[in-house]
Amino acid sequence: MAKKVITATNAQYYLPQIGQAVRDMLRFGKDVVIEFKEFKARRSLAQNRLMWVWNQEIAEHLREHFGQENSSEDVHEVFVRKKFGVRVIQAGNEEPIIVRKRTRKLNTKEFTEYLNWLEQYCAEYLELMLTRPDDLYMLALYGETNVAH
C-alpha cells in the first residue's frame, strides 16, 4: 500500500480502505508495519517560483542602484545565509566546511515565513518593493489563487 496523507477531510474515505488493506495482509500471513507521523508539506512549487522571481528582481536592483553584478543564485546564497545563518562542519582533521540551510528542506510554513521576511527586508533595507504576480503570489503565500472558481 502506498503512503497516504490523512486529513480531516478525507479520513472518512481512507480509514476503511486502510483497515481493509491491513486485514487482507494479515489474512495472507504477512506482517504489517504501521507508522504514524505528522505530515509536513515541503515548500510548494509556487513558493519556489516566487522566490526565484524575487531573487532576479533583487539582482537587477543591486545592479541598477549599487553597481553590483550578482546572479539570482548569488542573491539566493546571500539572503538564505542572512536569514538562517551558517554551520561549520568539522570531520576529523579535514578542513572545516561552512554550510547553510537548504530551502528545499523547508516546509511550506517555514518557506512562507522566509518569503515574508525577504519581502520585508527588501522594502526596509534596499528600498525595493518586490512584485506580487497576482496568482503566483497568492498561491505561494496562501496556497490559493485570487481567481474565482
Protein backbone atom coordinates (compact mmCIF):
# COMPACT_ATOMS: atom_id res chain seq x y z
CA MET A 1 0.00 0.00 0.00
CA ALA A 2 1.23 3.49 -0.82
CA LYS A 3 1.70 6.21 1.77
CA LYS A 4 -1.44 8.22 2.43
CA VAL A 5 -1.85 11.64 3.95
CA ILE A 6 -4.96 11.50 6.08
CA THR A 7 -6.74 14.79 6.70
CA ALA A 8 -9.93 15.71 8.49
CA THR A 9 -11.49 15.99 5.05
CA ASN A 10 -10.51 12.60 3.62
CA ALA A 11 -10.30 10.43 6.78
CA GLN A 12 -13.82 9.08 6.39
CA TYR A 13 -12.89 7.80 2.91
CA TYR A 14 -9.38 6.42 3.59
CA LEU A 15 -9.65 4.86 7.06
CA PRO A 16 -11.91 1.97 5.96
CA GLN A 17 -9.60 1.30 2.99
CA ILE A 18 -6.55 1.23 5.24
CA GLY A 19 -8.26 -1.09 7.69
CA GLN A 20 -9.24 -3.46 4.89
CA ALA A 21 -5.70 -3.45 3.45
CA VAL A 22 -4.26 -4.36 6.88
CA ARG A 23 -6.81 -7.15 7.37
CA ASP A 24 -6.05 -8.54 3.89
CA MET A 25 -2.31 -8.60 4.53
CA LEU A 26 -2.74 -10.31 7.91
CA ARG A 27 -5.12 -12.87 6.40
CA PHE A 28 -2.40 -13.82 3.88
CA GLY A 29 0.13 -14.27 6.68
CA LYS A 30 2.03 -11.04 6.04
CA ASP A 31 3.32 -8.89 8.85
CA VAL A 32 2.34 -5.23 8.73
CA VAL A 33 4.24 -2.13 9.79
CA ILE A 34 2.11 0.89 10.64
CA GLU A 35 3.76 4.25 11.25
CA PHE A 36 2.03 7.46 12.28
CA LYS A 37 3.69 10.82 11.96
CA GLU A 38 2.62 14.38 11.39
CA PHE A 39 2.57 15.39 7.75
CA LYS A 40 4.65 18.45 6.96
CA ALA A 41 4.44 19.58 3.37
CA ARG A 42 7.67 20.69 1.75
CA ARG A 43 7.82 24.03 0.03
CA SER A 44 5.45 24.33 -2.87
CA LEU A 45 6.43 24.83 -6.48
CA ALA A 46 4.68 28.22 -6.40
CA GLN A 47 6.79 29.28 -3.39
CA ASN A 48 9.94 28.20 -5.18
CA ARG A 49 8.99 30.03 -8.39
CA LEU A 50 8.15 33.22 -6.48
CA MET A 51 11.47 33.09 -4.62
CA TRP A 52 13.42 32.87 -7.91
CA VAL A 53 11.38 35.70 -9.47
CA TRP A 54 12.23 37.81 -6.43
CA ASN A 55 15.90 36.77 -6.44
CA GLN A 56 16.14 38.00 -10.05
CA GLU A 57 14.43 41.29 -9.14
CA ILE A 58 16.86 41.79 -6.26
CA ALA A 59 19.86 41.05 -8.51
CA GLU A 60 18.62 43.63 -11.04
CA HIS A 61 18.01 46.18 -8.26
CA LEU A 62 21.53 45.68 -6.87
CA ARG A 63 22.97 46.15 -10.37
CA GLU A 64 20.96 49.32 -11.09
CA HIS A 65 21.35 51.02 -7.70
CA PHE A 66 24.65 49.75 -6.34
CA GLY A 67 26.56 48.67 -9.45
CA GLN A 68 26.85 45.12 -8.10
CA GLU A 69 26.86 42.28 -10.60
CA ASN A 70 25.05 39.43 -8.86
CA SER A 71 23.21 36.49 -10.32
CA SER A 72 19.92 35.34 -8.84
CA GLU A 73 21.90 32.38 -7.42
CA ASP A 74 24.28 34.83 -5.68
CA VAL A 75 21.31 36.67 -4.21
CA HIS A 76 19.85 33.37 -3.03
CA GLU A 77 23.10 32.45 -1.27
CA VAL A 78 23.38 35.81 0.47
CA PHE A 79 19.81 36.06 1.70
CA VAL A 80 19.45 32.46 2.86
CA ARG A 81 22.66 32.88 4.86
CA LYS A 82 21.46 36.24 6.22
CA LYS A 83 18.13 34.76 7.36
CA PHE A 84 19.25 31.36 8.64
CA GLY A 85 22.97 31.73 9.35
CA VAL A 86 25.55 29.03 8.66
CA ARG A 87 27.02 25.96 10.33
CA VAL A 88 30.62 24.83 10.36
CA ILE A 89 31.12 21.11 9.86
CA GLN A 90 34.38 19.57 11.05
CA ALA A 91 35.25 15.96 10.25
CA GLY A 92 38.43 14.82 11.94
CA ASN A 93 41.50 16.62 10.61
CA GLU A 94 39.73 17.68 7.43
CA GLU A 95 39.36 21.36 6.65
CA PRO A 96 36.09 22.74 8.12
CA ILE A 97 33.22 23.30 5.71
CA ILE A 98 30.72 26.14 6.04
CA VAL A 99 27.18 25.19 5.06
CA ARG A 100 23.87 27.00 5.00
CA LYS A 101 20.31 25.81 5.40
CA ARG A 102 18.76 24.36 2.26
CA THR A 103 15.48 25.99 1.28
CA ARG A 104 14.35 22.75 -0.34
CA LYS A 105 14.22 21.27 3.19
CA LEU A 106 11.82 23.94 4.46
CA ASN A 107 8.18 23.03 4.91
CA THR A 108 5.52 25.30 3.42
CA LYS A 109 5.05 27.28 6.65
CA GLU A 110 8.81 27.89 7.06
CA PHE A 111 9.09 28.85 3.40
CA THR A 112 6.20 31.31 3.74
CA GLU A 113 7.98 32.88 6.71
CA TYR A 114 11.16 33.15 4.63
CA LEU A 115 9.33 34.80 1.72
CA ASN A 116 7.61 37.26 4.09
CA TRP A 117 10.97 38.07 5.68
CA LEU A 118 12.61 38.55 2.26
CA GLU A 119 9.85 40.91 1.11
CA GLN A 120 10.07 42.95 4.33
CA TYR A 121 13.89 43.05 4.29
CA CYS A 122 13.99 44.31 0.71
CA ALA A 123 11.44 47.04 1.44
CA GLU A 124 13.17 48.16 4.62
CA TYR A 125 16.88 47.90 3.78
CA LEU A 126 17.06 48.01 -0.02
CA GLU A 127 14.08 50.32 -0.64
CA LEU A 128 12.81 47.69 -3.09
CA MET A 129 9.17 46.73 -3.31
CA LEU A 130 9.16 43.23 -4.76
CA THR A 131 6.47 42.50 -7.31
CA ARG A 132 3.47 40.41 -6.40
CA PRO A 133 2.47 38.50 -9.52
CA ASP A 134 -1.23 38.01 -8.73
CA ASP A 135 -1.82 34.29 -8.98
CA LEU A 136 1.75 33.26 -8.12
CA TYR A 137 1.91 35.45 -5.01
CA MET A 138 -1.43 34.23 -3.63
CA LEU A 139 -0.61 30.61 -4.40
CA ALA A 140 2.87 30.83 -2.86
CA LEU A 141 1.89 32.59 0.35
CA TYR A 142 -1.66 31.42 0.92
CA GLY A 143 -1.92 28.21 -1.09
CA GLU A 144 -4.67 29.65 -3.24
CA THR A 145 -5.26 31.92 -6.18
CA ASN A 146 -7.39 35.02 -6.11
CA VAL A 147 -9.31 33.81 -9.15
CA ALA A 148 -12.89 32.68 -8.51
CA HIS A 149 -13.56 29.06 -9.50
